[in-house]
Amino acid sequence: MPEQIIVIAMSVSFLVTVILSPLFIPFLRRLKFGQSIREEGPKSHQKKSGTPTMGGIMILLSIVATTLWMTSRLSVLSVETYLLLLVTVGYGVLGFLDDMIKVVMKRNLGLTSRQKFIGQLIIAVVFFFVYRQSGFSTEVHIPGTGWSFDLGWAYGVLLLLMLVGGSNAVNLTDGLDGLLAGTAAIAFGAYAVLAWNQGQYDVAVFCVAVVGAVLGFLVFNAHPAKVFMGDTGSLALGGAIAAVAVLTKLELLLIIIGGVFVIETLSVIIQVASFKTTGRRVFRMSPLHHHYELVGWSEWRVVVTFWAVGLLFAMLGIYIEVWM
């Protein structure tokens, strides 16, 4: 039964990550793949320096293996599945290169903004080319209504903005122990429900595979973190959630379900714009999670609060699409 496959997919993905982590984390330590902490970041984060990073590799392995296995068992291995894996692995490889530069070359910022953007754009263009060649719709559905409109060629622009913007937004959220793992699990869980409701079992299997993988990772990433996912994980998850939104034709709903990612990104935009125009900062530090740290919140309190906000956004998104 499809319902059983969904439960099994999440369980398998969770177990794969949990089993891989105790083997992989010591390996990262031996390679001295430790995280470099930005000097301009919160001073309390300096003690995290040297914590193994690139744990996103475990997440990727779990997602890919579980998705391929479970979709083949369910006989729903499809173009959508391959598109999702293309984006996830593609952005994961880009993040891996970024992490490698940071830990091997000791260049704290990794790839330059231009290099990262070009990589993100190339993957997004390949995705759009396959998407169009496969005959998928260029219509955009307005959440909570029966309205939709066809963007035609302009849909390609929207798709590129979603993939590049989504990967960057999720990447910005990865700043505290367990923050991204928890919010990603919630967002992908919401899209799993919506994909299942549409009968897109292949997309639903992928989503629950992601949920299982990041929850398994959270076992080792919760405060105090024993490993970080790095850009290998955060860029992959960002590209993946945008691709899921595209394939479920719930592009605009990503603004709500991914509300935490949107808020984090807006906090950076507002901070930069304010400082450049007035010389003043709106927040003590951006992204927003650092602001709350600097006003005295404990790291765990910030993370749990953001999880709760993410859950409310996810529930709102499901309500708008399913019951309105």
C-alpha atoms as a PDB file:
ATOM      1  CA  MET A   1       0.000   0.000   0.000  1.00  0.00           C
ATOM      2  CA  PRO A   2       1.209   3.550  -0.750  1.00  0.00           C
ATOM      3  CA  GLU A   3       0.548   4.602   2.852  1.00  0.00           C
ATOM      4  CA  GLN A   4       2.905   1.910   4.142  1.00  0.00           C
ATOM      5  CA  ILE A   5       5.593   2.933   1.655  1.00  0.00           C
ATOM      6  CA  ILE A   6       5.430   6.502   2.947  1.00  0.00           C
ATOM      7  CA  VAL A   7       5.982   5.373   6.533  1.00  0.00           C
ATOM      8  CA  ILE A   8       8.734   2.972   5.481  1.00  0.00           C
ATOM      9  CA  ALA A   9      10.447   5.657   3.375  1.00  0.00           C
ATOM     10  CA  MET A  10      10.668   8.054   6.305  1.00  0.00           C
ATOM     11  CA  SER A  11      11.835   5.320   8.652  1.00  0.00           C
ATOM     12  CA  VAL A  12      14.495   4.015   6.271  1.00  0.00           C
ATOM     13  CA  SER A  13      15.804   7.488   5.517  1.00  0.00           C
ATOM     14  CA  PHE A  14      15.960   8.275   9.240  1.00  0.00           C
ATOM     15  CA  LEU A  15      17.806   5.062  10.037  1.00  0.00           C
ATOM     16  CA  VAL A  16      20.279   5.438   7.180  1.00  0.00           C
ATOM     17  CA  THR A  17      21.318   8.866   8.469  1.00  0.00           C
ATOM     18  CA  VAL A  18      21.455   7.717  12.092  1.00  0.00           C
ATOM     19  CA  ILE A  19      23.596   4.711  11.165  1.00  0.00           C
ATOM     20  CA  LEU A  20      25.915   6.664   8.849  1.00  0.00           C
ATOM     21  CA  SER A  21      26.535   9.563  11.226  1.00  0.00           C
ATOM     22  CA  PRO A  22      28.565   7.790  13.960  1.00  0.00           C
ATOM     23  CA  LEU A  23      30.771   6.356  11.206  1.00  0.00           C
ATOM     24  CA  PHE A  24      31.089   9.518   9.171  1.00  0.00           C
ATOM     25  CA  ILE A  25      31.628  12.122  11.914  1.00  0.00           C
ATOM     26  CA  PRO A  26      34.933  10.606  13.187  1.00  0.00           C
ATOM     27  CA  PHE A  27      36.054  10.331   9.552  1.00  0.00           C
ATOM     28  CA  LEU A  28      35.443  14.076   9.077  1.00  0.00           C
ATOM     29  CA  ARG A  29      37.402  14.769  12.265  1.00  0.00           C
ATOM     30  CA  ARG A  30      40.370  12.743  11.027  1.00  0.00           C
ATOM     31  CA  LEU A  31      40.342  14.716   7.786  1.00  0.00           C
ATOM     32  CA  LYS A  32      40.207  17.905   9.894  1.00  0.00           C
ATOM     33  CA  PHE A  33      37.073  19.032   8.065  1.00  0.00           C
ATOM     34  CA  GLY A  34      36.168  21.431  10.849  1.00  0.00           C
ATOM     35  CA  GLN A  35      33.923  24.466  10.568  1.00  0.00           C
ATOM     36  CA  SER A  36      35.575  27.890  10.499  1.00  0.00           C
ATOM     37  CA  ILE A  37      33.530  30.427  12.447  1.00  0.00           C
ATOM     38  CA  ARG A  38      33.215  33.973  11.118  1.00  0.00           C
ATOM     39  CA  GLU A  39      34.895  36.492  13.408  1.00  0.00           C
ATOM     40  CA  GLU A  40      32.054  38.965  12.866  1.00  0.00           C
ATOM     41  CA  GLY A  41      29.505  36.415  14.094  1.00  0.00           C
ATOM     42  CA  PRO A  42      28.262  36.100  17.697  1.00  0.00           C
ATOM     43  CA  LYS A  43      31.209  35.580  20.063  1.00  0.00           C
ATOM     44  CA  SER A  44      29.463  32.601  21.653  1.00  0.00           C
ATOM     45  CA  HIS A  45      29.871  30.732  18.358  1.00  0.00           C
ATOM     46  CA  GLN A  46      33.665  30.746  18.504  1.00  0.00           C
ATOM     47  CA  LYS A  47      33.597  27.644  20.690  1.00  0.00           C
ATOM     48  CA  LYS A  48      32.010  25.791  17.753  1.00  0.00           C
ATOM     49  CA  SER A  49      35.137  26.214  15.672  1.00  0.00           C
ATOM     50  CA  GLY A  50      36.475  22.853  14.543  1.00  0.00           C
ATOM     51  CA  THR A  51      33.128  21.048  14.727  1.00  0.00           C
ATOM     52  CA  PRO A  52      32.987  18.686  11.717  1.00  0.00           C
ATOM     53  CA  THR A  53      31.079  20.099   8.759  1.00  0.00           C
ATOM     54  CA  MET A  54      29.921  18.709   5.382  1.00  0.00           C
ATOM     55  CA  GLY A  55      27.482  16.426   7.201  1.00  0.00           C
ATOM     56  CA  GLY A  56      25.109  17.210   4.357  1.00  0.00           C
ATOM     57  CA  ILE A  57      26.776  14.338   2.512  1.00  0.00           C
ATOM     58  CA  MET A  58      24.977  11.924   4.843  1.00  0.00           C
ATOM     59  CA  ILE A  59      21.673  13.662   4.191  1.00  0.00           C
ATOM     60  CA  LEU A  60      22.170  13.458   0.424  1.00  0.00           C
ATOM     61  CA  LEU A  61      23.122   9.780   0.480  1.00  0.00           C
ATOM     62  CA  SER A  62      20.077   8.964   2.561  1.00  0.00           C
ATOM     63  CA  ILE A  63      17.676  10.968   0.367  1.00  0.00           C
ATOM     64  CA  VAL A  64      18.936   9.561  -2.926  1.00  0.00           C
ATOM     65  CA  ALA A  65      19.091   5.929  -1.780  1.00  0.00           C
ATOM     66  CA  THR A  66      15.697   6.001  -0.059  1.00  0.00           C
ATOM     67  CA  THR A  67      13.933   7.855  -2.876  1.00  0.00           C
ATOM     68  CA  LEU A  68      15.208   5.543  -5.617  1.00  0.00           C
ATOM     69  CA  TRP A  69      14.469   2.404  -3.630  1.00  0.00           C
ATOM     70  CA  MET A  70      11.008   3.378  -2.440  1.00  0.00           C
ATOM     71  CA  THR A  71       9.736   4.924  -5.684  1.00  0.00           C
ATOM     72  CA  SER A  72      10.836   1.819  -7.594  1.00  0.00           C
ATOM     73  CA  ARG A  73       9.017  -0.414  -5.091  1.00  0.00           C
ATOM     74  CA  LEU A  74       5.919   1.743  -5.440  1.00  0.00           C
ATOM     75  CA  SER A  75       6.382   1.750  -9.249  1.00  0.00           C
ATOM     76  CA  VAL A  76       6.251   5.556  -9.317  1.00  0.00           C
ATOM     77  CA  LEU A  77       9.832   6.207 -10.412  1.00  0.00           C
ATOM     78  CA  SER A  78       9.184   9.139 -12.749  1.00  0.00           C
ATOM     79  CA  VAL A  79      10.568  12.200 -14.484  1.00  0.00           C
ATOM     80  CA  GLU A  80       9.574  14.166 -11.389  1.00  0.00           C
ATOM     81  CA  THR A  81      11.740  11.911  -9.244  1.00  0.00           C
ATOM     82  CA  TYR A  82      14.768  12.398 -11.480  1.00  0.00           C
ATOM     83  CA  LEU A  83      14.203  16.164 -11.599  1.00  0.00           C
ATOM     84  CA  LEU A  84      14.086  16.328  -7.804  1.00  0.00           C
ATOM     85  CA  LEU A  85      17.273  14.286  -7.500  1.00  0.00           C
ATOM     86  CA  LEU A  86      18.947  16.374 -10.219  1.00  0.00           C
ATOM     87  CA  VAL A  87      18.400  19.576  -8.267  1.00  0.00           C
ATOM     88  CA  THR A  88      19.162  18.060  -4.873  1.00  0.00           C
ATOM     89  CA  VAL A  89      22.417  16.427  -5.951  1.00  0.00           C
ATOM     90  CA  GLY A  90      23.372  19.342  -8.220  1.00  0.00           C
ATOM     91  CA  TYR A  91      23.062  21.948  -5.490  1.00  0.00           C
ATOM     92  CA  GLY A  92      24.604  19.505  -3.036  1.00  0.00           C
ATOM     93  CA  VAL A  93      27.714  19.180  -5.222  1.00  0.00           C
ATOM     94  CA  LEU A  94      27.897  22.966  -5.502  1.00  0.00           C
ATOM     95  CA  GLY A  95      27.677  23.228  -1.719  1.00  0.00           C
ATOM     96  CA  PHE A  96      30.311  20.514  -1.369  1.00  0.00           C
ATOM     97  CA  LEU A  97      32.734  22.578  -3.481  1.00  0.00           C
ATOM     98  CA  ASP A  98      31.968  25.603  -1.314  1.00  0.00           C
ATOM     99  CA  ASP A  99      32.625  23.614   1.872  1.00  0.00           C
ATOM    100  CA  MET A 100      35.827  22.105   0.480  1.00  0.00           C
ATOM    101  CA  ILE A 101      37.256  25.549  -0.241  1.00  0.00           C
ATOM    102  CA  LYS A 102      36.406  26.631   3.300  1.00  0.00           C
ATOM    103  CA  VAL A 103      37.953  23.665   5.100  1.00  0.00           C
ATOM    104  CA  VAL A 104      40.831  22.746   2.775  1.00  0.00           C
ATOM    105  CA  MET A 105      41.944  26.148   1.530  1.00  0.00           C
ATOM    106  CA  LYS A 106      40.985  27.824   4.831  1.00  0.00           C
ATOM    107  CA  ARG A 107      39.009  30.449   2.906  1.00  0.00           C
ATOM    108  CA  ASN A 108      36.190  31.259   5.293  1.00  0.00           C
ATOM    109  CA  LEU A 109      33.725  32.477   2.654  1.00  0.00           C
ATOM    110  CA  GLY A 110      34.209  29.532   0.263  1.00  0.00           C
ATOM    111  CA  LEU A 111      33.142  30.151  -3.317  1.00  0.00           C
ATOM    112  CA  THR A 112      32.739  33.759  -4.337  1.00  0.00           C
ATOM    113  CA  SER A 113      29.184  35.061  -4.702  1.00  0.00           C
ATOM    114  CA  ARG A 114      29.646  35.160  -8.465  1.00  0.00           C
ATOM    115  CA  GLN A 115      30.911  31.582  -8.672  1.00  0.00           C
ATOM    116  CA  LYS A 116      28.081  30.295  -6.503  1.00  0.00           C
ATOM    117  CA  PHE A 117      25.457  32.205  -8.464  1.00  0.00           C
ATOM    118  CA  ILE A 118      26.724  30.902 -11.809  1.00  0.00           C
ATOM    119  CA  GLY A 119      26.637  27.338 -10.469  1.00  0.00           C
ATOM    120  CA  GLN A 120      23.117  27.777  -9.109  1.00  0.00           C
ATOM    121  CA  LEU A 121      21.971  29.299 -12.388  1.00  0.00           C
ATOM    122  CA  ILE A 122      23.409  26.499 -14.533  1.00  0.00           C
ATOM    123  CA  ILE A 123      21.630  23.828 -12.480  1.00  0.00           C
ATOM    124  CA  ALA A 124      18.371  25.814 -12.611  1.00  0.00           C
ATOM    125  CA  VAL A 125      18.624  26.193 -16.407  1.00  0.00           C
ATOM    126  CA  VAL A 126      19.180  22.433 -16.826  1.00  0.00           C
ATOM    127  CA  PHE A 127      16.170  21.778 -14.588  1.00  0.00           C
ATOM    128  CA  PHE A 128      13.974  24.128 -16.641  1.00  0.00           C
ATOM    129  CA  PHE A 129      15.132  22.603 -19.931  1.00  0.00           C
ATOM    130  CA  VAL A 130      14.215  19.073 -18.791  1.00  0.00           C
ATOM    131  CA  TYR A 131      10.996  20.397 -17.235  1.00  0.00           C
ATOM    132  CA  ARG A 132       9.832  21.952 -20.513  1.00  0.00           C
ATOM    133  CA  GLN A 133      10.988  19.030 -22.654  1.00  0.00           C
ATOM    134  CA  SER A 134       8.892  16.764 -20.433  1.00  0.00           C
ATOM    135  CA  GLY A 135       5.787  18.802 -21.226  1.00  0.00           C
ATOM    136  CA  PHE A 136       5.064  20.178 -17.763  1.00  0.00           C
ATOM    137  CA  SER A 137       2.719  23.131 -17.405  1.00  0.00           C
ATOM    138  CA  THR A 138       3.843  26.754 -17.174  1.00  0.00           C
ATOM    139  CA  GLU A 139       0.699  27.732 -15.278  1.00  0.00           C
ATOM    140  CA  VAL A 140       0.857  29.206 -11.791  1.00  0.00           C
ATOM    141  CA  HIS A 141      -1.886  28.411  -9.309  1.00  0.00           C
ATOM    142  CA  ILE A 142      -3.079  31.033  -6.813  1.00  0.00           C
ATOM    143  CA  PRO A 143      -3.313  29.323  -3.396  1.00  0.00           C
ATOM    144  CA  GLY A 144      -6.769  29.056  -1.862  1.00  0.00           C
ATOM    145  CA  THR A 145      -8.543  29.798  -5.139  1.00  0.00           C
ATOM    146  CA  GLY A 146      -9.449  28.029  -8.350  1.00  0.00           C
ATOM    147  CA  TRP A 147      -7.516  30.625 -10.319  1.00  0.00           C
ATOM    148  CA  SER A 148      -4.385  30.028 -12.324  1.00  0.00           C
ATOM    149  CA  PHE A 149      -2.606  31.834 -15.126  1.00  0.00           C
ATOM    150  CA  ASP A 150      -0.127  30.745 -17.763  1.00  0.00           C
ATOM    151  CA  LEU A 151       3.202  32.586 -17.682  1.00  0.00           C
ATOM    152  CA  GLY A 152       4.512  31.001 -20.872  1.00  0.00           C
ATOM    153  CA  TRP A 153       8.217  31.745 -21.370  1.00  0.00           C
ATOM    154  CA  ALA A 154       8.206  33.954 -18.252  1.00  0.00           C
ATOM    155  CA  TYR A 155       7.698  30.810 -16.179  1.00  0.00           C
ATOM    156  CA  GLY A 156      11.358  30.075 -16.800  1.00  0.00           C
ATOM    157  CA  VAL A 157      12.273  33.317 -15.055  1.00  0.00           C
ATOM    158  CA  LEU A 158      10.077  32.399 -12.086  1.00  0.00           C
ATOM    159  CA  LEU A 159      11.635  28.948 -11.914  1.00  0.00           C
ATOM    160  CA  LEU A 160      15.173  30.337 -11.955  1.00  0.00           C
ATOM    161  CA  LEU A 161      14.299  32.839  -9.235  1.00  0.00           C
ATOM    162  CA  MET A 162      12.749  30.097  -7.106  1.00  0.00           C
ATOM    163  CA  LEU A 163      15.667  27.678  -7.349  1.00  0.00           C
ATOM    164  CA  VAL A 164      18.413  30.259  -6.880  1.00  0.00           C
ATOM    165  CA  GLY A 165      16.476  32.245  -4.279  1.00  0.00           C
ATOM    166  CA  GLY A 166      15.268  29.147  -2.442  1.00  0.00           C
ATOM    167  CA  SER A 167      18.739  27.657  -2.112  1.00  0.00           C
ATOM    168  CA  ASN A 168      20.135  30.958  -0.822  1.00  0.00           C
ATOM    169  CA  ALA A 169      17.251  31.522   1.607  1.00  0.00           C
ATOM    170  CA  VAL A 170      17.622  28.073   3.157  1.00  0.00           C
ATOM    171  CA  ASN A 171      21.395  28.521   3.274  1.00  0.00           C
ATOM    172  CA  LEU A 172      20.954  31.728   5.305  1.00  0.00           C
ATOM    173  CA  THR A 173      18.776  29.853   7.807  1.00  0.00           C
ATOM    174  CA  ASP A 174      21.550  27.383   8.589  1.00  0.00           C
ATOM    175  CA  GLY A 175      23.166  29.334  11.406  1.00  0.00           C
ATOM    176  CA  LEU A 176      22.251  27.639  14.700  1.00  0.00           C
ATOM    177  CA  ASP A 177      22.397  24.053  15.952  1.00  0.00           C
ATOM    178  CA  GLY A 178      19.359  22.203  14.631  1.00  0.00           C
ATOM    179  CA  LEU A 179      17.658  25.297  13.201  1.00  0.00           C
ATOM    180  CA  LEU A 180      17.643  24.295   9.550  1.00  0.00           C
ATOM    181  CA  ALA A 181      17.189  20.574  10.146  1.00  0.00           C
ATOM    182  CA  GLY A 182      14.000  21.228  12.115  1.00  0.00           C
ATOM    183  CA  THR A 183      12.504  23.893   9.867  1.00  0.00           C
ATOM    184  CA  ALA A 184      13.337  21.856   6.746  1.00  0.00           C
ATOM    185  CA  ALA A 185      11.635  18.759   8.201  1.00  0.00           C
ATOM    186  CA  ILE A 186       8.504  20.813   8.837  1.00  0.00           C
ATOM    187  CA  ALA A 187       8.432  22.435   5.383  1.00  0.00           C
ATOM    188  CA  PHE A 188       9.055  19.181   3.502  1.00  0.00           C
ATOM    189  CA  GLY A 189       6.496  17.461   5.710  1.00  0.00           C
ATOM    190  CA  ALA A 190       3.890  20.005   4.643  1.00  0.00           C
ATOM    191  CA  TYR A 191       4.678  19.493   0.972  1.00  0.00           C
ATOM    192  CA  ALA A 192       4.549  15.723   1.490  1.00  0.00           C
ATOM    193  CA  VAL A 193       0.966  16.093   2.711  1.00  0.00           C
ATOM    194  CA  LEU A 194       0.052  18.294  -0.251  1.00  0.00           C
ATOM    195  CA  ALA A 195       1.772  16.051  -2.807  1.00  0.00           C
ATOM    196  CA  TRP A 196      -0.022  13.032  -1.341  1.00  0.00           C
ATOM    197  CA  ASN A 197      -3.330  14.915  -1.498  1.00  0.00           C
ATOM    198  CA  GLN A 198      -2.699  15.504  -5.217  1.00  0.00           C
ATOM    199  CA  GLY A 199      -1.865  11.866  -5.841  1.00  0.00           C
ATOM    200  CA  GLN A 200       1.782  12.687  -6.600  1.00  0.00           C
ATOM    201  CA  TYR A 201       3.147   9.738  -4.653  1.00  0.00           C
ATOM    202  CA  ASP A 202       6.612  10.032  -6.171  1.00  0.00           C
ATOM    203  CA  VAL A 203       7.002  13.593  -4.906  1.00  0.00           C
ATOM    204  CA  ALA A 204       5.516  12.621  -1.549  1.00  0.00           C
ATOM    205  CA  VAL A 205       8.046   9.793  -1.182  1.00  0.00           C
ATOM    206  CA  PHE A 206      10.883  12.201  -1.943  1.00  0.00           C
ATOM    207  CA  CYS A 207       9.580  14.688   0.625  1.00  0.00           C
ATOM    208  CA  VAL A 208       9.281  12.130   3.419  1.00  0.00           C
ATOM    209  CA  ALA A 209      12.737  10.795   2.522  1.00  0.00           C
ATOM    210  CA  VAL A 210      14.035  14.320   3.142  1.00  0.00           C
ATOM    211  CA  VAL A 211      12.087  14.542   6.410  1.00  0.00           C
ATOM    212  CA  GLY A 212      13.552  11.274   7.630  1.00  0.00           C
ATOM    213  CA  ALA A 213      17.071  12.233   6.580  1.00  0.00           C
ATOM    214  CA  VAL A 214      17.082  15.628   8.299  1.00  0.00           C
ATOM    215  CA  LEU A 215      15.456  14.256  11.460  1.00  0.00           C
ATOM    216  CA  GLY A 216      18.131  11.568  11.578  1.00  0.00           C
ATOM    217  CA  PHE A 217      20.732  14.276  11.125  1.00  0.00           C
ATOM    218  CA  LEU A 218      19.094  16.327  13.871  1.00  0.00           C
ATOM    219  CA  VAL A 219      19.986  13.592  16.367  1.00  0.00           C
ATOM    220  CA  PHE A 220      23.615  14.707  15.953  1.00  0.00           C
ATOM    221  CA  ASN A 221      22.996  18.344  14.969  1.00  0.00           C
ATOM    222  CA  ALA A 222      20.825  19.407  17.913  1.00  0.00           C
ATOM    223  CA  HIS A 223      22.505  21.707  20.437  1.00  0.00           C
ATOM    224  CA  PRO A 224      25.322  21.154  21.150  1.00  0.00           C
ATOM    225  CA  ALA A 225      25.932  20.028  17.583  1.00  0.00           C
ATOM    226  CA  LYS A 226      28.392  17.221  16.920  1.00  0.00           C
ATOM    227  CA  VAL A 227      28.317  17.954  13.183  1.00  0.00           C
ATOM    228  CA  PHE A 228      27.120  20.686  10.805  1.00  0.00           C
ATOM    229  CA  MET A 229      25.505  20.028   7.441  1.00  0.00           C
ATOM    230  CA  GLY A 230      27.445  22.822   5.738  1.00  0.00           C
ATOM    231  CA  ASP A 231      26.505  24.253   2.360  1.00  0.00           C
ATOM    232  CA  THR A 232      26.492  20.666   1.062  1.00  0.00           C
ATOM    233  CA  GLY A 233      23.238  20.169   2.925  1.00  0.00           C
ATOM    234  CA  SER A 234      21.713  23.646   3.035  1.00  0.00           C
ATOM    235  CA  LEU A 235      22.034  24.442  -0.684  1.00  0.00           C
ATOM    236  CA  ALA A 236      20.690  20.982  -1.565  1.00  0.00           C
ATOM    237  CA  LEU A 237      17.677  21.372   0.726  1.00  0.00           C
ATOM    238  CA  GLY A 238      16.955  24.864  -0.595  1.00  0.00           C
ATOM    239  CA  GLY A 239      17.010  23.779  -4.209  1.00  0.00           C
ATOM    240  CA  ALA A 240      14.939  20.703  -3.370  1.00  0.00           C
ATOM    241  CA  ILE A 241      12.118  22.572  -1.601  1.00  0.00           C
ATOM    242  CA  ALA A 242      11.851  24.989  -4.537  1.00  0.00           C
ATOM    243  CA  ALA A 243      11.760  22.074  -7.007  1.00  0.00           C
ATOM    244  CA  VAL A 244       9.025  20.372  -4.973  1.00  0.00           C
ATOM    245  CA  ALA A 245       6.969  23.581  -5.054  1.00  0.00           C
ATOM    246  CA  VAL A 246       7.351  23.720  -8.846  1.00  0.00           C
ATOM    247  CA  LEU A 247       6.437  20.082  -9.463  1.00  0.00           C
ATOM    248  CA  THR A 248       3.369  20.226  -7.208  1.00  0.00           C
ATOM    249  CA  LYS A 249       2.332  23.474  -8.960  1.00  0.00           C
ATOM    250  CA  LEU A 250       2.256  25.174  -5.564  1.00  0.00           C
ATOM    251  CA  GLU A 251       4.948  27.707  -6.345  1.00  0.00           C
ATOM    252  CA  LEU A 252       3.378  30.672  -4.555  1.00  0.00           C
ATOM    253  CA  LEU A 253       2.552  28.585  -1.487  1.00  0.00           C
ATOM    254  CA  LEU A 254       6.287  28.235  -0.862  1.00  0.00           C
ATOM    255  CA  ILE A 255       6.233  31.817   0.419  1.00  0.00           C
ATOM    256  CA  ILE A 256       3.968  30.637   3.246  1.00  0.00           C
ATOM    257  CA  ILE A 257       5.245  27.112   3.919  1.00  0.00           C
ATOM    258  CA  GLY A 258       8.819  28.389   3.713  1.00  0.00           C
ATOM    259  CA  GLY A 259       7.904  31.456   5.762  1.00  0.00           C
ATOM    260  CA  VAL A 260      10.876  31.113   8.119  1.00  0.00           C
ATOM    261  CA  PHE A 261      13.270  31.055   5.154  1.00  0.00           C
ATOM    262  CA  VAL A 262      11.553  34.113   3.675  1.00  0.00           C
ATOM    263  CA  ILE A 263      11.771  36.046   6.955  1.00  0.00           C
ATOM    264  CA  GLU A 264      15.443  35.176   7.399  1.00  0.00           C
ATOM    265  CA  THR A 265      16.190  36.418   3.881  1.00  0.00           C
ATOM    266  CA  LEU A 266      14.174  39.600   4.319  1.00  0.00           C
ATOM    267  CA  SER A 267      16.071  40.366   7.529  1.00  0.00           C
ATOM    268  CA  VAL A 268      19.345  40.300   5.590  1.00  0.00           C
ATOM    269  CA  ILE A 269      17.942  42.446   2.770  1.00  0.00           C
ATOM    270  CA  ILE A 270      16.517  44.995   5.233  1.00  0.00           C
ATOM    271  CA  GLN A 271      19.768  45.099   7.214  1.00  0.00           C
ATOM    272  CA  VAL A 272      21.934  45.685   4.148  1.00  0.00           C
ATOM    273  CA  ALA A 273      19.555  48.228   2.604  1.00  0.00           C
ATOM    274  CA  SER A 274      19.241  50.172   5.855  1.00  0.00           C
ATOM    275  CA  PHE A 275      22.984  50.261   6.490  1.00  0.00           C
ATOM    276  CA  LYS A 276      23.812  51.350   2.945  1.00  0.00           C
ATOM    277  CA  THR A 277      21.171  54.081   2.830  1.00  0.00           C
ATOM    278  CA  THR A 278      21.181  55.411   6.403  1.00  0.00           C
ATOM    279  CA  GLY A 279      24.305  53.949   7.998  1.00  0.00           C
ATOM    280  CA  ARG A 280      22.125  52.346  10.657  1.00  0.00           C
ATOM    281  CA  ARG A 281      21.292  48.715  11.378  1.00  0.00           C
ATOM    282  CA  VAL A 282      17.722  47.605  12.003  1.00  0.00           C
ATOM    283  CA  PHE A 283      18.791  44.380  13.716  1.00  0.00           C
ATOM    284  CA  ARG A 284      21.734  43.771  16.012  1.00  0.00           C
ATOM    285  CA  MET A 285      22.876  41.185  13.497  1.00  0.00           C
ATOM    286  CA  SER A 286      21.383  39.394  10.527  1.00  0.00           C
ATOM    287  CA  PRO A 287      20.088  36.852   9.635  1.00  0.00           C
ATOM    288  CA  LEU A 288      17.324  37.283  12.189  1.00  0.00           C
ATOM    289  CA  HIS A 289      18.232  34.291  14.385  1.00  0.00           C
ATOM    290  CA  HIS A 290      21.480  36.045  15.364  1.00  0.00           C
ATOM    291  CA  HIS A 291      19.529  39.149  16.406  1.00  0.00           C
ATOM    292  CA  TYR A 292      17.624  37.152  19.009  1.00  0.00           C
ATOM    293  CA  GLU A 293      20.836  35.605  20.274  1.00  0.00           C
ATOM    294  CA  LEU A 294      22.320  39.052  20.817  1.00  0.00           C
ATOM    295  CA  VAL A 295      19.264  40.312  22.710  1.00  0.00           C
ATOM    296  CA  GLY A 296      19.819  37.540  25.250  1.00  0.00           C
ATOM    297  CA  TRP A 297      17.892  34.502  24.033  1.00  0.00           C
ATOM    298  CA  SER A 298      19.609  31.154  24.437  1.00  0.00           C
ATOM    299  CA  GLU A 299      20.439  29.314  21.228  1.00  0.00           C
ATOM    300  CA  TRP A 300      17.981  26.557  22.060  1.00  0.00           C
ATOM    301  CA  ARG A 301      15.181  29.072  22.713  1.00  0.00           C
ATOM    302  CA  VAL A 302      15.752  30.718  19.327  1.00  0.00           C
ATOM    303  CA  VAL A 303      15.739  27.363  17.538  1.00  0.00           C
ATOM    304  CA  VAL A 304      12.582  26.043  19.218  1.00  0.00           C
ATOM    305  CA  THR A 305      10.778  29.349  18.593  1.00  0.00           C
ATOM    306  CA  PHE A 306      11.681  29.280  14.902  1.00  0.00           C
ATOM    307  CA  TRP A 307      10.538  25.646  14.696  1.00  0.00           C
ATOM    308  CA  ALA A 308       7.193  26.676  16.192  1.00  0.00           C
ATOM    309  CA  VAL A 309       6.829  29.548  13.726  1.00  0.00           C
ATOM    310  CA  GLY A 310       7.741  27.199  10.878  1.00  0.00           C
ATOM    311  CA  LEU A 311       5.089  24.730  12.033  1.00  0.00           C
ATOM    312  CA  LEU A 312       2.436  27.471  12.094  1.00  0.00           C
ATOM    313  CA  PHE A 313       3.388  28.529   8.552  1.00  0.00           C
ATOM    314  CA  ALA A 314       3.250  24.905   7.371  1.00  0.00           C
ATOM    315  CA  MET A 315      -0.187  24.365   8.919  1.00  0.00           C
ATOM    316  CA  LEU A 316      -1.411  27.606   7.357  1.00  0.00           C
ATOM    317  CA  GLY A 317      -0.147  26.521   3.955  1.00  0.00           C
ATOM    318  CA  ILE A 318      -1.909  23.152   4.192  1.00  0.00           C
ATOM    319  CA  TYR A 319      -5.112  24.826   5.373  1.00  0.00           C
ATOM    320  CA  ILE A 320      -5.108  27.307   2.495  1.00  0.00           C
ATOM    321  CA  GLU A 321      -4.559  24.642  -0.158  1.00  0.00           C
ATOM    322  CA  VAL A 322      -6.679  21.796   1.200  1.00  0.00           C
ATOM    323  CA  TRP A 323      -9.576  23.375   3.066  1.00  0.00           C
ATOM    324  CA  MET A 324     -10.084  26.877   1.687  1.00  0.00           C
END
